Amino acid sequence: MSSRIHCLIIGSGPAGYTAAIYAARANLKPVLYTGIEPGGQLMITTEVENYPGYPNGSMGPQMMEDFRMQAERFGTDVRYALITKVDFTGPVHKVWTDSDEELEADTVIIATGASAQWLGIESEKTFANKGVSACAVCDGFFFKNQDVAIVGGGDTAAEEALYLSKLCPVVHMIVRRDELRASKIMQERVLKTANIKIHWNTETEEIIGKDDVEGVVIFNNQTGARTTLPVKGFFVAIGHKPNTGIFKGWLDMDKAGYLIPQPGSTRTKIDGIFVSGDAADRVYRQAVTAAGTGCMAALDAERYLASKEIV
């Protein structure tokens, strides 16, 4: 048995909740499905200091609670379940929840976000929010004037290492191979930056500390030497994985799985389907940019429904 929804929002980070606020105020009666991680990546972020309107900063989970309450204040129906399957063949879009409930929607706003990829070592979890981070732009300021380490060799790692080099005396860059995978221009910038120390052919063995990160044990896979680097921050920059698997075959996406909207819009190639947030953003990946695209998606959905004289 299916139930018809004017505006269905899949995902509950800054993009999803912002889309819900705008859609609800436009009387679209949005229904938002949170997914398995209500609040998204900000739920594993401690203090957020770079979001406008929070002059004293905010804990990530508290910020998402504020977003949720604002969305519900205007009438958003927030449901704690996961969308596991979609069918976008007809003008009315079908989705299924993890309990096999079928729903029909006139418009769908995708805000499923992306998840940081981790090394998979136990100490990474132990020191989560205690010095371990997957976003230098988000958390680098907390380690100003302290030595840090970053693992990765691609463009993201290079960019974040350069960002950290402006804040920290020494940035240890841990690279598994004997070369960087980053673009030539990014490689040149990293190599020219005096306080970025690259550890080639090196892997992270363990992050150490008592209450917070105090160091990282690295292993040279050529010489077999182990070294302990005294650092206060440890940044993982080995990529993100967009949570877009259920849309494969339906919507355009790049090789990494990021959804590709039509230029200058949140529309997709399928009428009534819109994308927002980190599921379609491999460049910025910030809460404020995600919220902005959530707003755009809701406005695009409202205009689409009006053009079809549905709402």
Protein backbone atom coordinates (compact mmCIF):
# COMPACT_ATOMS: atom_id res chain seq x y z
CA MET A 1 0.00 0.00 0.00
CA SER A 2 1.45 3.35 -1.01
CA SER A 3 0.85 6.89 0.22
CA ARG A 4 1.33 9.97 -1.99
CA ILE A 5 3.75 12.68 -0.86
CA HIS A 6 4.18 16.06 -2.54
CA CYS A 7 7.80 16.53 -1.48
CA LEU A 8 9.90 13.63 -0.23
CA ILE A 9 13.33 14.43 1.20
CA ILE A 10 15.87 11.63 1.55
CA GLY A 11 18.55 12.52 4.09
CA SER A 12 18.82 14.59 7.25
CA GLY A 13 22.00 16.65 7.26
CA PRO A 14 22.17 20.41 6.65
CA ALA A 15 20.94 19.96 3.07
CA GLY A 16 17.95 17.77 3.95
CA TYR A 17 16.78 19.84 6.91
CA THR A 18 17.20 23.14 5.03
CA ALA A 19 15.22 21.75 2.11
CA ALA A 20 12.56 20.69 4.60
CA ILE A 21 12.37 24.18 6.15
CA TYR A 22 11.86 25.83 2.78
CA ALA A 23 9.47 23.16 1.48
CA ALA A 24 7.37 23.28 4.65
CA ARG A 25 7.11 27.08 4.57
CA ALA A 26 5.94 26.77 0.94
CA ASN A 27 3.19 24.43 2.13
CA LEU A 28 4.59 21.44 0.25
CA LYS A 29 3.99 19.24 3.31
CA PRO A 30 7.43 17.62 3.11
CA VAL A 31 8.19 14.19 4.50
CA LEU A 32 11.83 13.66 5.44
CA TYR A 33 13.46 10.26 5.91
CA THR A 34 16.53 10.55 8.11
CA GLY A 35 18.44 7.47 6.97
CA ILE A 36 20.66 5.44 9.28
CA GLU A 37 22.65 8.50 10.43
CA PRO A 38 20.17 11.24 11.40
CA GLY A 39 22.05 14.51 11.13
CA GLY A 40 24.74 13.17 8.80
CA GLN A 41 28.46 13.87 9.22
CA LEU A 42 27.91 16.69 11.70
CA MET A 43 26.85 14.07 14.23
CA ILE A 44 30.51 13.02 14.49
CA THR A 45 31.78 16.60 14.63
CA THR A 46 32.44 18.25 17.96
CA GLU A 47 32.47 22.02 17.80
CA VAL A 48 31.33 23.82 14.65
CA GLU A 49 32.66 27.39 14.61
CA ASN A 50 32.34 28.35 10.96
CA TYR A 51 28.56 28.20 10.47
CA PRO A 52 27.00 31.70 10.30
CA GLY A 53 24.57 32.58 13.07
CA TYR A 54 26.37 30.61 15.78
CA PRO A 55 28.79 33.26 17.14
CA ASN A 56 29.89 31.04 20.03
CA GLY A 57 30.03 27.88 17.92
CA SER A 58 27.86 24.82 18.36
CA MET A 59 28.36 21.12 18.88
CA GLY A 60 27.56 19.31 15.62
CA PRO A 61 24.77 17.13 17.09
CA GLN A 62 23.17 20.17 18.77
CA MET A 63 23.23 22.10 15.50
CA MET A 64 21.46 19.25 13.73
CA GLU A 65 18.91 19.12 16.54
CA ASP A 66 18.29 22.84 15.99
CA PHE A 67 17.83 22.24 12.25
CA ARG A 68 15.41 19.38 12.90
CA MET A 69 13.31 21.38 15.34
CA GLN A 70 13.09 24.28 12.91
CA ALA A 71 11.98 21.94 10.12
CA GLU A 72 9.34 20.35 12.36
CA ARG A 73 8.15 23.75 13.57
CA PHE A 74 6.89 24.47 10.05
CA GLY A 75 5.25 21.07 9.70
CA THR A 76 7.89 18.71 8.27
CA ASP A 77 7.05 15.06 8.93
CA VAL A 78 10.40 13.61 10.07
CA ARG A 79 10.53 9.82 9.88
CA TYR A 80 13.36 7.73 11.29
CA ALA A 81 13.83 5.13 8.59
CA LEU A 82 16.04 4.35 5.61
CA ILE A 83 15.08 4.51 1.93
CA THR A 84 16.54 1.38 0.33
CA LYS A 85 15.11 1.29 -3.21
CA VAL A 86 13.70 3.70 -5.79
CA ASP A 87 11.77 3.51 -9.04
CA PHE A 88 11.86 6.71 -11.09
CA THR A 89 10.25 5.37 -14.26
CA GLY A 90 6.95 7.24 -14.10
CA PRO A 91 5.81 10.80 -13.40
CA VAL A 92 5.01 9.67 -9.87
CA HIS A 93 8.19 8.48 -8.18
CA LYS A 94 8.23 5.38 -6.01
CA VAL A 95 10.52 4.60 -3.10
CA TRP A 96 10.69 1.84 -0.51
CA THR A 97 11.80 1.98 3.11
CA ASP A 98 13.86 -0.60 4.99
CA SER A 99 10.60 -2.06 6.30
CA ASP A 100 9.34 -2.51 2.70
CA GLU A 101 6.83 0.31 2.96
CA GLU A 102 6.12 1.73 -0.50
CA LEU A 103 5.70 5.47 -0.95
CA GLU A 104 4.81 7.63 -3.92
CA ALA A 105 6.09 11.18 -4.35
CA ASP A 106 5.54 14.00 -6.82
CA THR A 107 9.02 15.34 -6.11
CA VAL A 108 12.09 13.85 -4.46
CA ILE A 109 14.96 15.86 -2.98
CA ILE A 110 18.09 13.76 -2.54
CA ALA A 111 20.22 14.84 0.43
CA THR A 112 21.94 11.57 1.30
CA GLY A 113 25.37 13.15 1.74
CA ALA A 114 28.76 11.48 1.62
CA SER A 115 30.75 9.55 4.19
CA ALA A 116 34.45 10.04 4.87
CA GLN A 117 36.62 7.03 4.16
CA TRP A 118 38.75 5.95 7.11
CA LEU A 119 41.90 3.89 7.48
CA GLY A 120 40.11 1.23 9.50
CA ILE A 121 42.44 1.14 12.51
CA GLU A 122 40.93 0.84 16.00
CA SER A 123 42.67 3.92 17.44
CA GLU A 124 40.97 6.01 14.75
CA LYS A 125 37.67 5.32 16.51
CA THR A 126 39.16 5.73 19.98
CA PHE A 127 40.26 9.29 19.24
CA ALA A 128 37.31 10.36 17.08
CA ASN A 129 36.58 13.99 18.03
CA LYS A 130 39.63 13.87 20.31
CA GLY A 131 42.14 14.90 17.70
CA VAL A 132 41.13 12.70 14.77
CA SER A 133 39.25 14.44 11.96
CA ALA A 134 38.33 13.95 8.32
CA CYS A 135 38.04 17.67 7.56
CA ALA A 136 40.94 20.09 7.96
CA VAL A 137 38.85 23.09 6.91
CA CYS A 138 36.30 22.22 9.61
CA ASP A 139 38.69 21.40 12.44
CA GLY A 140 42.13 22.73 11.58
CA PHE A 141 41.67 25.94 13.57
CA PHE A 142 41.49 23.93 16.80
CA PHE A 143 45.11 22.85 16.22
CA LYS A 144 46.55 26.28 15.54
CA ASN A 145 50.23 26.51 16.58
CA GLN A 146 50.39 22.73 17.12
CA ASP A 147 52.02 20.02 15.01
CA VAL A 148 49.64 17.76 13.10
CA ALA A 149 49.69 14.82 10.70
CA ILE A 150 47.60 14.17 7.61
CA VAL A 151 47.34 10.90 5.70
CA GLY A 152 46.69 10.77 1.96
CA GLY A 153 48.36 11.59 -1.35
CA GLY A 154 45.60 12.91 -3.58
CA ASP A 155 44.31 16.41 -4.30
CA THR A 156 42.19 16.49 -1.14
CA ALA A 157 45.14 15.58 1.06
CA ALA A 158 47.37 18.11 -0.70
CA GLU A 159 44.79 20.86 -0.39
CA GLU A 160 44.19 20.14 3.29
CA ALA A 161 47.92 19.91 4.02
CA LEU A 162 48.39 23.35 2.48
CA TYR A 163 45.50 24.70 4.54
CA LEU A 164 46.99 23.26 7.74
CA SER A 165 50.46 24.60 6.87
CA LYS A 166 49.11 28.13 7.40
CA LEU A 167 47.99 27.26 10.93
CA CYS A 168 50.47 24.71 12.23
CA PRO A 169 54.27 24.80 12.68
CA VAL A 170 54.77 21.34 11.14
CA VAL A 171 52.41 19.27 9.00
CA HIS A 172 53.51 15.64 8.66
CA MET A 173 52.09 14.23 5.43
CA ILE A 174 51.90 10.43 5.47
CA VAL A 175 51.98 9.00 1.94
CA ARG A 176 51.78 5.28 1.27
CA ARG A 177 53.61 5.41 -2.06
CA ASP A 178 56.79 7.11 -3.28
CA GLU A 179 54.81 9.80 -5.10
CA LEU A 180 51.72 11.94 -4.71
CA ARG A 181 48.57 11.17 -6.69
CA ALA A 182 47.60 14.85 -6.61
CA SER A 183 47.60 17.01 -9.74
CA LYS A 184 50.98 18.45 -10.78
CA ILE A 185 50.17 21.95 -9.58
CA MET A 186 49.09 20.69 -6.16
CA GLN A 187 52.21 18.52 -5.90
CA GLU A 188 54.38 21.54 -6.66
CA ARG A 189 52.67 23.64 -4.01
CA VAL A 190 53.07 20.95 -1.37
CA LEU A 191 56.73 20.31 -2.21
CA LYS A 192 57.50 24.04 -2.07
CA THR A 193 55.90 24.47 1.36
CA ALA A 194 58.71 24.35 3.90
CA ASN A 195 56.68 23.22 6.93
CA ILE A 196 55.04 20.25 5.18
CA LYS A 197 57.20 17.21 5.87
CA ILE A 198 56.34 14.27 3.61
CA HIS A 199 56.90 10.72 4.85
CA TRP A 200 57.11 8.59 1.68
CA ASN A 201 56.33 4.85 1.52
CA THR A 202 54.74 5.16 4.93
CA GLU A 203 51.60 3.85 6.57
CA THR A 204 49.85 4.71 9.81
CA GLU A 205 50.13 1.94 12.37
CA GLU A 206 48.53 3.49 15.45
CA ILE A 207 47.33 6.79 16.89
CA ILE A 208 48.43 7.19 20.49
CA GLY A 209 47.51 9.35 23.46
CA LYS A 210 45.73 9.36 26.79
CA ASP A 211 42.57 11.47 26.59
CA ASP A 212 43.42 13.17 23.28
CA VAL A 213 45.80 12.51 20.40
CA GLU A 214 49.43 12.88 21.43
CA GLY A 215 51.17 11.16 18.56
CA VAL A 216 51.04 8.73 15.67
CA VAL A 217 53.16 5.64 15.05
CA ILE A 218 54.15 5.31 11.40
CA PHE A 219 55.75 2.41 9.56
CA ASN A 220 58.02 2.70 6.54
CA ASN A 221 57.04 -0.13 4.21
CA GLN A 222 60.49 -0.15 2.55
CA THR A 223 62.89 0.02 5.48
CA GLY A 224 60.61 -1.48 8.12
CA ALA A 225 61.39 1.42 10.47
CA ARG A 226 58.80 2.58 12.99
CA THR A 227 58.68 6.20 14.08
CA THR A 228 56.47 8.06 16.54
CA LEU A 229 55.51 11.57 15.45
CA PRO A 230 54.44 13.85 18.31
CA VAL A 231 51.25 15.51 16.99
CA LYS A 232 48.04 16.85 18.49
CA GLY A 233 45.86 16.43 15.42
CA PHE A 234 45.49 13.58 12.93
CA PHE A 235 43.62 14.22 9.68
CA VAL A 236 42.42 11.50 7.33
CA ALA A 237 42.17 12.69 3.72
CA ILE A 238 41.84 9.52 1.66
CA GLY A 239 38.53 10.46 0.10
CA HIS A 240 34.79 10.48 0.62
CA LYS A 241 32.18 8.09 -0.66
CA PRO A 242 28.82 9.61 -1.67
CA ASN A 243 25.81 7.74 -0.32
CA THR A 244 24.18 7.37 -3.73
CA GLY A 245 24.19 3.64 -4.40
CA ILE A 246 20.41 3.30 -4.62
CA PHE A 247 20.30 5.87 -7.46
CA LYS A 248 22.76 4.04 -9.69
CA GLY A 249 21.22 3.45 -13.11
CA TRP A 250 18.61 6.14 -12.55
CA LEU A 251 20.59 9.36 -12.31
CA ASP A 252 23.79 10.71 -13.84
CA MET A 253 26.81 10.37 -11.58
CA ASP A 254 30.57 10.60 -11.96
CA LYS A 255 33.02 7.72 -11.52
CA ALA A 256 33.16 8.27 -7.76
CA GLY A 257 29.36 8.18 -7.47
CA TYR A 258 28.65 11.89 -6.98
CA LEU A 259 25.34 12.89 -8.56
CA ILE A 260 25.50 15.37 -11.44
CA PRO A 261 22.71 17.96 -11.57
CA GLN A 262 21.89 20.10 -14.57
CA PRO A 263 24.15 23.17 -14.78
CA GLY A 264 23.04 26.06 -12.58
CA SER A 265 20.33 24.06 -10.88
CA THR A 266 19.56 21.13 -8.60
CA ARG A 267 17.44 19.41 -11.26
CA THR A 268 18.40 16.01 -12.61
CA LYS A 269 17.62 14.43 -15.96
CA ILE A 270 14.42 13.04 -14.44
CA ASP A 271 11.59 15.51 -13.89
CA GLY A 272 10.78 16.01 -10.24
CA ILE A 273 14.07 14.64 -8.87
CA PHE A 274 16.47 17.14 -7.31
CA VAL A 275 19.89 16.76 -5.67
CA SER A 276 21.53 18.71 -2.87
CA GLY A 277 24.39 18.62 -0.39
CA ASP A 278 27.46 16.42 -0.37
CA ALA A 279 25.83 13.72 -2.51
CA ALA A 280 26.48 16.10 -5.43
CA ASP A 281 29.47 18.06 -4.08
CA ARG A 282 32.97 16.64 -4.29
CA VAL A 283 34.61 20.06 -3.98
CA TYR A 284 33.40 22.09 -1.00
CA ARG A 285 31.68 19.63 1.37
CA GLN A 286 30.79 22.21 4.03
CA ALA A 287 27.64 22.45 6.15
CA VAL A 288 26.89 25.93 4.86
CA THR A 289 27.22 24.95 1.18
CA ALA A 290 25.07 21.88 1.77
CA ALA A 291 22.39 24.02 3.40
CA GLY A 292 22.51 26.42 0.45
CA THR A 293 21.87 23.67 -2.07
CA GLY A 294 19.10 22.30 0.15
CA CYS A 295 17.39 25.68 -0.14
CA MET A 296 17.90 25.64 -3.91
CA ALA A 297 16.44 22.14 -4.23
CA ALA A 298 13.31 23.09 -2.29
CA LEU A 299 12.79 26.19 -4.45
CA ASP A 300 13.29 24.11 -7.61
CA ALA A 301 10.81 21.51 -6.33
CA GLU A 302 8.26 24.22 -5.48
CA ARG A 303 8.53 25.72 -8.98
CA TYR A 304 8.24 22.30 -10.58
CA LEU A 305 5.09 21.46 -8.61
CA ALA A 306 3.59 24.86 -9.50
CA SER A 307 4.36 24.33 -13.20
CA LYS A 308 2.55 21.00 -13.06
CA GLU A 309 -0.29 22.60 -11.06
CA ILE A 310 0.15 19.91 -8.40
CA VAL A 311 0.52 22.30 -5.46
